[in-house]
Amino acid sequence: MSIMQFEYFNESEAEVPDPEPVQQAVELVFRHEGRSARALSLVMLPNQALRAMKSQHFGINAFTDIIAFNLNDPDEPDIEGELYLSPNQIRQNAVDYDTSYEQEFFRVVIHGCLHLCSYEDTTAEEKTNMRQLEDKYLAELNLL
């Protein structure tokens, strides 16, 4: 399984991992979740730009590390999606959680992919489930 179209844009000033291992991580998650991706775009933005998107689309005026958009029906097996990330917020998360920037970057990408696979993290139980899945995939990528 591979992604038919994988786009990787860094519109922030921050340094980000190379696209190839990120694409491999995305494909790992989708494969294990029984999904495939027709098209996926990852766009890295400055903190304020992602905050503005969160406010515009979700009515929440707060900093975030990722926003995931499914561009097709979430029940379709082939995902078309967009992930918007803030590398600077991810770097701050890494400091706050005492982990490496690389590990936190991949955790956030995995988290976004899980959202594209219809996982939610509204309740404590859902958050725990997603964290366990993130840890599972990070371990498989030798990042945990």
N, C-alpha and C. Protein backbone atom coordinates (compact mmCIF):
# COMPACT_ATOMS: atom_id res chain seq x y z
N MET A 1 0.84 -1.17 0.00
CA MET A 1 0.00 0.00 0.00
C MET A 1 0.88 1.23 0.00
N SER A 2 0.55 2.12 -0.85
CA SER A 2 1.26 3.39 -0.83
C SER A 2 0.26 4.50 -1.08
N ILE A 3 0.72 5.69 -0.83
CA ILE A 3 -0.11 6.85 -1.05
C ILE A 3 0.05 7.26 -2.51
N MET A 4 -1.06 7.38 -3.20
CA MET A 4 -1.00 7.76 -4.62
C MET A 4 -0.35 9.14 -4.77
N GLN A 5 -0.76 10.07 -3.93
CA GLN A 5 -0.21 11.42 -4.01
C GLN A 5 0.13 11.88 -2.60
N PHE A 6 1.40 12.15 -2.35
CA PHE A 6 1.87 12.61 -1.04
C PHE A 6 2.56 13.95 -1.23
N GLU A 7 2.00 14.97 -0.60
CA GLU A 7 2.58 16.31 -0.71
C GLU A 7 3.05 16.75 0.67
N TYR A 8 4.17 17.43 0.70
CA TYR A 8 4.84 17.80 1.95
C TYR A 8 5.35 19.22 1.79
N PHE A 9 4.69 20.15 2.45
CA PHE A 9 5.03 21.57 2.31
C PHE A 9 5.44 22.15 3.65
N ASN A 10 6.55 22.84 3.68
CA ASN A 10 6.97 23.53 4.89
C ASN A 10 6.83 25.03 4.65
N GLU A 11 5.72 25.58 5.15
CA GLU A 11 5.46 27.01 5.03
C GLU A 11 5.81 27.73 6.33
N SER A 12 6.49 27.04 7.22
CA SER A 12 6.97 27.64 8.46
C SER A 12 8.47 27.90 8.30
N GLU A 13 9.04 28.54 9.26
CA GLU A 13 10.49 28.79 9.25
C GLU A 13 11.25 27.66 9.94
N ALA A 14 10.53 26.71 10.50
CA ALA A 14 11.12 25.66 11.32
C ALA A 14 11.71 24.54 10.47
N GLU A 15 12.69 23.87 11.06
CA GLU A 15 13.27 22.68 10.44
C GLU A 15 12.32 21.51 10.70
N VAL A 16 12.09 20.72 9.67
CA VAL A 16 11.19 19.56 9.79
C VAL A 16 11.89 18.32 9.25
N PRO A 17 11.44 17.13 9.69
CA PRO A 17 12.04 15.89 9.17
C PRO A 17 11.86 15.77 7.66
N ASP A 18 12.73 14.98 7.05
CA ASP A 18 12.62 14.70 5.62
C ASP A 18 11.28 14.02 5.32
N PRO A 19 10.73 14.26 4.13
CA PRO A 19 9.42 13.71 3.82
C PRO A 19 9.36 12.19 3.74
N GLU A 20 10.43 11.54 3.28
CA GLU A 20 10.36 10.09 3.07
C GLU A 20 10.03 9.29 4.33
N PRO A 21 10.73 9.50 5.46
CA PRO A 21 10.35 8.74 6.66
C PRO A 21 8.97 9.13 7.19
N VAL A 22 8.56 10.36 6.95
CA VAL A 22 7.21 10.77 7.37
C VAL A 22 6.17 10.01 6.56
N GLN A 23 6.39 9.92 5.24
CA GLN A 23 5.47 9.17 4.40
C GLN A 23 5.43 7.70 4.83
N GLN A 24 6.58 7.13 5.15
CA GLN A 24 6.61 5.73 5.60
C GLN A 24 5.82 5.55 6.89
N ALA A 25 5.90 6.51 7.79
CA ALA A 25 5.13 6.43 9.04
C ALA A 25 3.64 6.50 8.76
N VAL A 26 3.25 7.39 7.88
CA VAL A 26 1.85 7.54 7.51
C VAL A 26 1.33 6.23 6.90
N GLU A 27 2.11 5.66 5.99
CA GLU A 27 1.70 4.42 5.35
C GLU A 27 1.58 3.28 6.35
N LEU A 28 2.48 3.23 7.34
CA LEU A 28 2.41 2.22 8.39
C LEU A 28 1.09 2.31 9.14
N VAL A 29 0.73 3.50 9.55
CA VAL A 29 -0.53 3.69 10.30
C VAL A 29 -1.71 3.26 9.45
N PHE A 30 -1.80 3.75 8.23
CA PHE A 30 -2.94 3.42 7.38
C PHE A 30 -3.01 1.92 7.11
N ARG A 31 -1.87 1.29 6.86
CA ARG A 31 -1.85 -0.15 6.60
C ARG A 31 -2.38 -0.92 7.80
N HIS A 32 -1.91 -0.59 9.00
CA HIS A 32 -2.35 -1.30 10.20
C HIS A 32 -3.81 -1.00 10.55
N GLU A 33 -4.30 0.14 10.10
CA GLU A 33 -5.70 0.49 10.35
C GLU A 33 -6.61 0.01 9.23
N GLY A 34 -6.04 -0.73 8.27
CA GLY A 34 -6.84 -1.28 7.18
C GLY A 34 -7.32 -0.22 6.19
N ARG A 35 -6.56 0.85 6.08
CA ARG A 35 -6.95 1.95 5.21
C ARG A 35 -5.83 2.20 4.20
N SER A 36 -6.14 2.95 3.17
CA SER A 36 -5.13 3.42 2.23
C SER A 36 -5.43 4.88 1.95
N ALA A 37 -4.49 5.54 1.35
CA ALA A 37 -4.67 6.96 1.07
C ALA A 37 -4.54 7.23 -0.41
N ARG A 38 -5.54 7.85 -0.94
CA ARG A 38 -5.51 8.27 -2.34
C ARG A 38 -4.64 9.51 -2.47
N ALA A 39 -4.78 10.42 -1.51
CA ALA A 39 -3.99 11.65 -1.52
C ALA A 39 -3.88 12.18 -0.10
N LEU A 40 -2.69 12.63 0.25
CA LEU A 40 -2.47 13.21 1.57
C LEU A 40 -1.48 14.36 1.45
N SER A 41 -1.85 15.47 2.03
CA SER A 41 -0.97 16.64 2.08
C SER A 41 -0.64 16.93 3.53
N LEU A 42 0.64 17.15 3.80
CA LEU A 42 1.10 17.62 5.10
C LEU A 42 1.63 19.02 4.89
N VAL A 43 1.09 19.97 5.64
CA VAL A 43 1.47 21.37 5.49
C VAL A 43 1.91 21.88 6.85
N MET A 44 3.16 22.31 6.93
CA MET A 44 3.69 22.88 8.16
C MET A 44 3.50 24.39 8.10
N LEU A 45 2.90 24.93 9.17
CA LEU A 45 2.56 26.35 9.23
C LEU A 45 3.11 26.99 10.51
N PRO A 46 3.26 28.31 10.51
CA PRO A 46 3.61 28.99 11.76
C PRO A 46 2.47 28.86 12.78
N ASN A 47 2.82 29.00 14.05
CA ASN A 47 1.83 28.86 15.14
C ASN A 47 0.58 29.69 14.92
N GLN A 48 0.77 30.97 14.61
CA GLN A 48 -0.39 31.87 14.48
C GLN A 48 -1.31 31.45 13.33
N ALA A 49 -0.75 30.95 12.25
CA ALA A 49 -1.57 30.52 11.12
C ALA A 49 -2.43 29.31 11.51
N LEU A 50 -1.85 28.38 12.25
CA LEU A 50 -2.62 27.20 12.67
C LEU A 50 -3.67 27.60 13.70
N ARG A 51 -3.32 28.53 14.58
CA ARG A 51 -4.29 29.03 15.56
C ARG A 51 -5.48 29.67 14.84
N ALA A 52 -5.22 30.46 13.80
CA ALA A 52 -6.29 31.10 13.04
C ALA A 52 -7.18 30.05 12.37
N MET A 53 -6.57 28.97 11.85
CA MET A 53 -7.36 27.89 11.23
C MET A 53 -8.26 27.22 12.26
N LYS A 54 -7.72 26.98 13.45
CA LYS A 54 -8.51 26.33 14.51
C LYS A 54 -9.69 27.22 14.90
N SER A 55 -9.45 28.50 14.97
CA SER A 55 -10.52 29.44 15.30
C SER A 55 -11.57 29.47 14.19
N GLN A 56 -11.12 29.54 12.96
CA GLN A 56 -12.03 29.63 11.82
C GLN A 56 -12.88 28.38 11.65
N HIS A 57 -12.25 27.20 11.76
CA HIS A 57 -12.95 25.95 11.45
C HIS A 57 -13.61 25.29 12.66
N PHE A 58 -13.12 25.58 13.86
CA PHE A 58 -13.63 24.89 15.05
C PHE A 58 -14.14 25.86 16.12
N GLY A 59 -14.00 27.16 15.89
CA GLY A 59 -14.47 28.14 16.86
C GLY A 59 -13.68 28.15 18.15
N ILE A 60 -12.43 27.66 18.11
CA ILE A 60 -11.59 27.59 19.30
C ILE A 60 -10.34 28.43 19.04
N ASN A 61 -10.17 29.48 19.83
CA ASN A 61 -9.03 30.38 19.65
C ASN A 61 -7.91 29.93 20.57
N ALA A 62 -7.16 28.94 20.13
CA ALA A 62 -6.08 28.38 20.95
C ALA A 62 -5.00 27.81 20.04
N PHE A 63 -3.78 27.77 20.57
CA PHE A 63 -2.70 27.14 19.82
C PHE A 63 -2.94 25.63 19.77
N THR A 64 -2.50 25.01 18.69
CA THR A 64 -2.60 23.56 18.53
C THR A 64 -1.39 23.08 17.75
N ASP A 65 -1.15 21.79 17.79
CA ASP A 65 -0.01 21.25 17.05
C ASP A 65 -0.42 20.66 15.71
N ILE A 66 -1.70 20.26 15.58
CA ILE A 66 -2.15 19.65 14.32
C ILE A 66 -3.65 19.82 14.15
N ILE A 67 -4.04 19.96 12.90
CA ILE A 67 -5.44 19.92 12.49
C ILE A 67 -5.52 18.95 11.33
N ALA A 68 -6.49 18.04 11.38
CA ALA A 68 -6.67 17.03 10.32
C ALA A 68 -8.01 17.26 9.64
N PHE A 69 -7.98 17.24 8.32
CA PHE A 69 -9.20 17.37 7.53
C PHE A 69 -9.33 16.17 6.61
N ASN A 70 -10.46 15.46 6.72
CA ASN A 70 -10.81 14.42 5.76
C ASN A 70 -11.51 15.12 4.61
N LEU A 71 -11.05 14.92 3.40
CA LEU A 71 -11.65 15.59 2.25
C LEU A 71 -12.72 14.76 1.58
N ASN A 72 -12.87 13.53 2.05
CA ASN A 72 -13.94 12.69 1.53
C ASN A 72 -14.70 12.08 2.70
N ASP A 73 -15.66 11.24 2.41
CA ASP A 73 -16.45 10.59 3.46
C ASP A 73 -15.53 9.73 4.31
N PRO A 74 -15.53 9.91 5.65
CA PRO A 74 -14.61 9.15 6.49
C PRO A 74 -14.82 7.63 6.43
N ASP A 75 -15.96 7.18 5.92
CA ASP A 75 -16.20 5.74 5.81
C ASP A 75 -15.59 5.13 4.55
N GLU A 76 -15.15 5.97 3.62
CA GLU A 76 -14.51 5.46 2.41
C GLU A 76 -13.16 4.85 2.78
N PRO A 77 -12.80 3.72 2.17
CA PRO A 77 -11.53 3.09 2.53
C PRO A 77 -10.30 3.87 2.09
N ASP A 78 -10.41 4.60 0.98
CA ASP A 78 -9.28 5.39 0.49
C ASP A 78 -9.38 6.82 1.00
N ILE A 79 -8.45 7.19 1.85
CA ILE A 79 -8.46 8.50 2.47
C ILE A 79 -7.91 9.56 1.54
N GLU A 80 -8.58 10.68 1.53
CA GLU A 80 -8.06 11.91 0.94
C GLU A 80 -8.06 12.91 2.08
N GLY A 81 -6.87 13.37 2.47
CA GLY A 81 -6.83 14.24 3.63
C GLY A 81 -5.73 15.27 3.60
N GLU A 82 -5.85 16.17 4.56
CA GLU A 82 -4.84 17.21 4.77
C GLU A 82 -4.51 17.27 6.24
N LEU A 83 -3.22 17.33 6.55
CA LEU A 83 -2.75 17.52 7.91
C LEU A 83 -2.00 18.84 7.95
N TYR A 84 -2.41 19.71 8.85
CA TYR A 84 -1.74 21.00 9.05
C TYR A 84 -1.05 20.94 10.41
N LEU A 85 0.26 21.17 10.42
CA LEU A 85 1.05 21.04 11.64
C LEU A 85 1.78 22.34 11.94
N SER A 86 2.03 22.55 13.23
CA SER A 86 2.87 23.67 13.67
C SER A 86 4.16 23.10 14.24
N PRO A 87 5.24 23.11 13.47
CA PRO A 87 6.51 22.59 13.98
C PRO A 87 6.98 23.31 15.26
N ASN A 88 6.71 24.60 15.36
CA ASN A 88 7.12 25.31 16.57
C ASN A 88 6.34 24.85 17.79
N GLN A 89 5.06 24.58 17.63
CA GLN A 89 4.26 24.05 18.75
C GLN A 89 4.72 22.63 19.08
N ILE A 90 5.05 21.85 18.07
CA ILE A 90 5.54 20.49 18.30
C ILE A 90 6.87 20.54 19.06
N ARG A 91 7.72 21.49 18.72
CA ARG A 91 8.99 21.64 19.43
C ARG A 91 8.73 22.00 20.90
N GLN A 92 7.76 22.87 21.14
CA GLN A 92 7.41 23.22 22.52
C GLN A 92 6.84 22.01 23.26
N ASN A 93 6.00 21.22 22.57
CA ASN A 93 5.48 19.99 23.17
C ASN A 93 6.63 19.08 23.59
N ALA A 94 7.63 18.95 22.74
CA ALA A 94 8.77 18.08 23.04
C ALA A 94 9.45 18.52 24.33
N VAL A 95 9.60 19.83 24.51
CA VAL A 95 10.18 20.36 25.74
C VAL A 95 9.26 20.04 26.93
N ASP A 96 7.97 20.33 26.75
CA ASP A 96 6.99 20.14 27.83
C ASP A 96 6.89 18.67 28.25
N TYR A 97 6.99 17.76 27.29
CA TYR A 97 6.83 16.33 27.58
C TYR A 97 8.17 15.61 27.73
N ASP A 98 9.26 16.37 27.70
CA ASP A 98 10.61 15.83 27.89
C ASP A 98 10.91 14.69 26.92
N THR A 99 10.71 14.97 25.64
CA THR A 99 10.99 14.00 24.60
C THR A 99 11.73 14.70 23.46
N SER A 100 12.13 13.95 22.47
CA SER A 100 12.85 14.56 21.35
C SER A 100 11.85 15.21 20.38
N TYR A 101 12.34 16.19 19.66
CA TYR A 101 11.51 16.84 18.64
C TYR A 101 11.07 15.82 17.59
N GLU A 102 11.99 14.96 17.17
CA GLU A 102 11.66 13.95 16.15
C GLU A 102 10.52 13.04 16.63
N GLN A 103 10.65 12.54 17.86
CA GLN A 103 9.61 11.65 18.38
C GLN A 103 8.27 12.38 18.46
N GLU A 104 8.28 13.61 18.95
CA GLU A 104 7.03 14.36 19.07
C GLU A 104 6.45 14.70 17.70
N PHE A 105 7.29 15.02 16.72
CA PHE A 105 6.82 15.30 15.37
C PHE A 105 6.09 14.08 14.81
N PHE A 106 6.71 12.92 14.94
CA PHE A 106 6.08 11.70 14.42
C PHE A 106 4.82 11.35 15.21
N ARG A 107 4.82 11.59 16.52
CA ARG A 107 3.62 11.33 17.33
C ARG A 107 2.46 12.18 16.81
N VAL A 108 2.73 13.43 16.52
CA VAL A 108 1.67 14.33 16.06
C VAL A 108 1.18 13.91 14.68
N VAL A 109 2.07 13.52 13.79
CA VAL A 109 1.66 13.03 12.47
C VAL A 109 0.80 11.78 12.62
N ILE A 110 1.22 10.85 13.45
CA ILE A 110 0.44 9.63 13.70
C ILE A 110 -0.93 10.00 14.25
N HIS A 111 -0.96 10.93 15.19
CA HIS A 111 -2.22 11.38 15.79
C HIS A 111 -3.17 11.90 14.70
N GLY A 112 -2.63 12.72 13.80
CA GLY A 112 -3.45 13.23 12.70
C GLY A 112 -3.97 12.13 11.80
N CYS A 113 -3.13 11.15 11.52
CA CYS A 113 -3.55 10.01 10.69
C CYS A 113 -4.67 9.22 11.37
N LEU A 114 -4.57 9.07 12.67
CA LEU A 114 -5.62 8.36 13.41
C LEU A 114 -6.94 9.12 13.31
N HIS A 115 -6.88 10.45 13.36
CA HIS A 115 -8.10 11.24 13.16
C HIS A 115 -8.67 10.98 11.77
N LEU A 116 -7.80 10.90 10.76
CA LEU A 116 -8.28 10.63 9.40
C LEU A 116 -8.91 9.23 9.30
N CYS A 117 -8.51 8.33 10.20
CA CYS A 117 -9.08 6.98 10.26
C CYS A 117 -10.31 6.94 11.16
N SER A 118 -10.85 8.11 11.52
CA SER A 118 -12.09 8.28 12.29
C SER A 118 -11.95 8.11 13.79
N TYR A 119 -10.73 8.09 14.32
CA TYR A 119 -10.56 8.08 15.77
C TYR A 119 -10.83 9.47 16.32
N GLU A 120 -11.42 9.51 17.49
CA GLU A 120 -11.69 10.77 18.19
C GLU A 120 -10.89 10.79 19.49
N ASP A 121 -10.74 11.98 20.05
CA ASP A 121 -10.05 12.11 21.33
C ASP A 121 -10.77 13.10 22.24
N THR A 122 -12.09 13.01 22.23
CA THR A 122 -12.92 13.92 23.03
C THR A 122 -12.98 13.48 24.48
N THR A 123 -13.17 12.20 24.72
CA THR A 123 -13.29 11.70 26.08
C THR A 123 -11.94 11.19 26.59
N ALA A 124 -11.85 10.99 27.89
CA ALA A 124 -10.61 10.46 28.49
C ALA A 124 -10.30 9.08 27.92
N GLU A 125 -11.32 8.25 27.74
CA GLU A 125 -11.13 6.90 27.19
C GLU A 125 -10.59 6.97 25.76
N GLU A 126 -11.15 7.86 24.94
CA GLU A 126 -10.69 8.02 23.56
C GLU A 126 -9.25 8.53 23.53
N LYS A 127 -8.92 9.47 24.41
CA LYS A 127 -7.55 9.99 24.47
C LYS A 127 -6.57 8.88 24.84
N THR A 128 -6.94 8.05 25.81
CA THR A 128 -6.08 6.93 26.22
C THR A 128 -5.88 5.96 25.07
N ASN A 129 -6.96 5.64 24.36
CA ASN A 129 -6.87 4.72 23.23
C ASN A 129 -5.95 5.28 22.15
N MET A 130 -6.10 6.57 21.84
CA MET A 130 -5.24 7.16 20.80
C MET A 130 -3.79 7.18 21.26
N ARG A 131 -3.53 7.48 22.53
CA ARG A 131 -2.16 7.52 23.04
C ARG A 131 -1.53 6.13 22.93
N GLN A 132 -2.29 5.09 23.24
CA GLN A 132 -1.77 3.73 23.13
C GLN A 132 -1.43 3.38 21.68
N LEU A 133 -2.28 3.79 20.76
CA LEU A 133 -2.01 3.55 19.34
C LEU A 133 -0.79 4.35 18.87
N GLU A 134 -0.68 5.60 19.31
CA GLU A 134 0.49 6.41 18.96
C GLU A 134 1.76 5.72 19.45
N ASP A 135 1.74 5.24 20.69
CA ASP A 135 2.91 4.56 21.26
C ASP A 135 3.24 3.30 20.48
N LYS A 136 2.22 2.56 20.09
CA LYS A 136 2.41 1.33 19.31
C LYS A 136 3.14 1.64 18.00
N TYR A 137 2.66 2.66 17.29
CA TYR A 137 3.26 2.99 16.00
C TYR A 137 4.65 3.61 16.17
N LEU A 138 4.85 4.42 17.20
CA LEU A 138 6.19 4.96 17.46
C LEU A 138 7.18 3.84 17.75
N ALA A 139 6.73 2.84 18.49
CA ALA A 139 7.60 1.69 18.79
C ALA A 139 7.95 0.94 17.51
N GLU A 140 6.97 0.76 16.64
CA GLU A 140 7.23 0.06 15.37
C GLU A 140 8.20 0.85 14.48
N LEU A 141 8.22 2.17 14.65
CA LEU A 141 9.14 3.02 13.90
C LEU A 141 10.47 3.22 14.61
N ASN A 142 10.63 2.49 15.74
CA ASN A 142 11.85 2.60 16.58
C ASN A 142 12.08 4.03 17.07
N LEU A 143 10.98 4.70 17.42
CA LEU A 143 11.06 6.07 17.94
C LEU A 143 10.61 6.16 19.39
N LEU A 144 10.33 5.02 20.00
CA LEU A 144 9.87 5.02 21.40
C LEU A 144 10.80 4.17 22.24
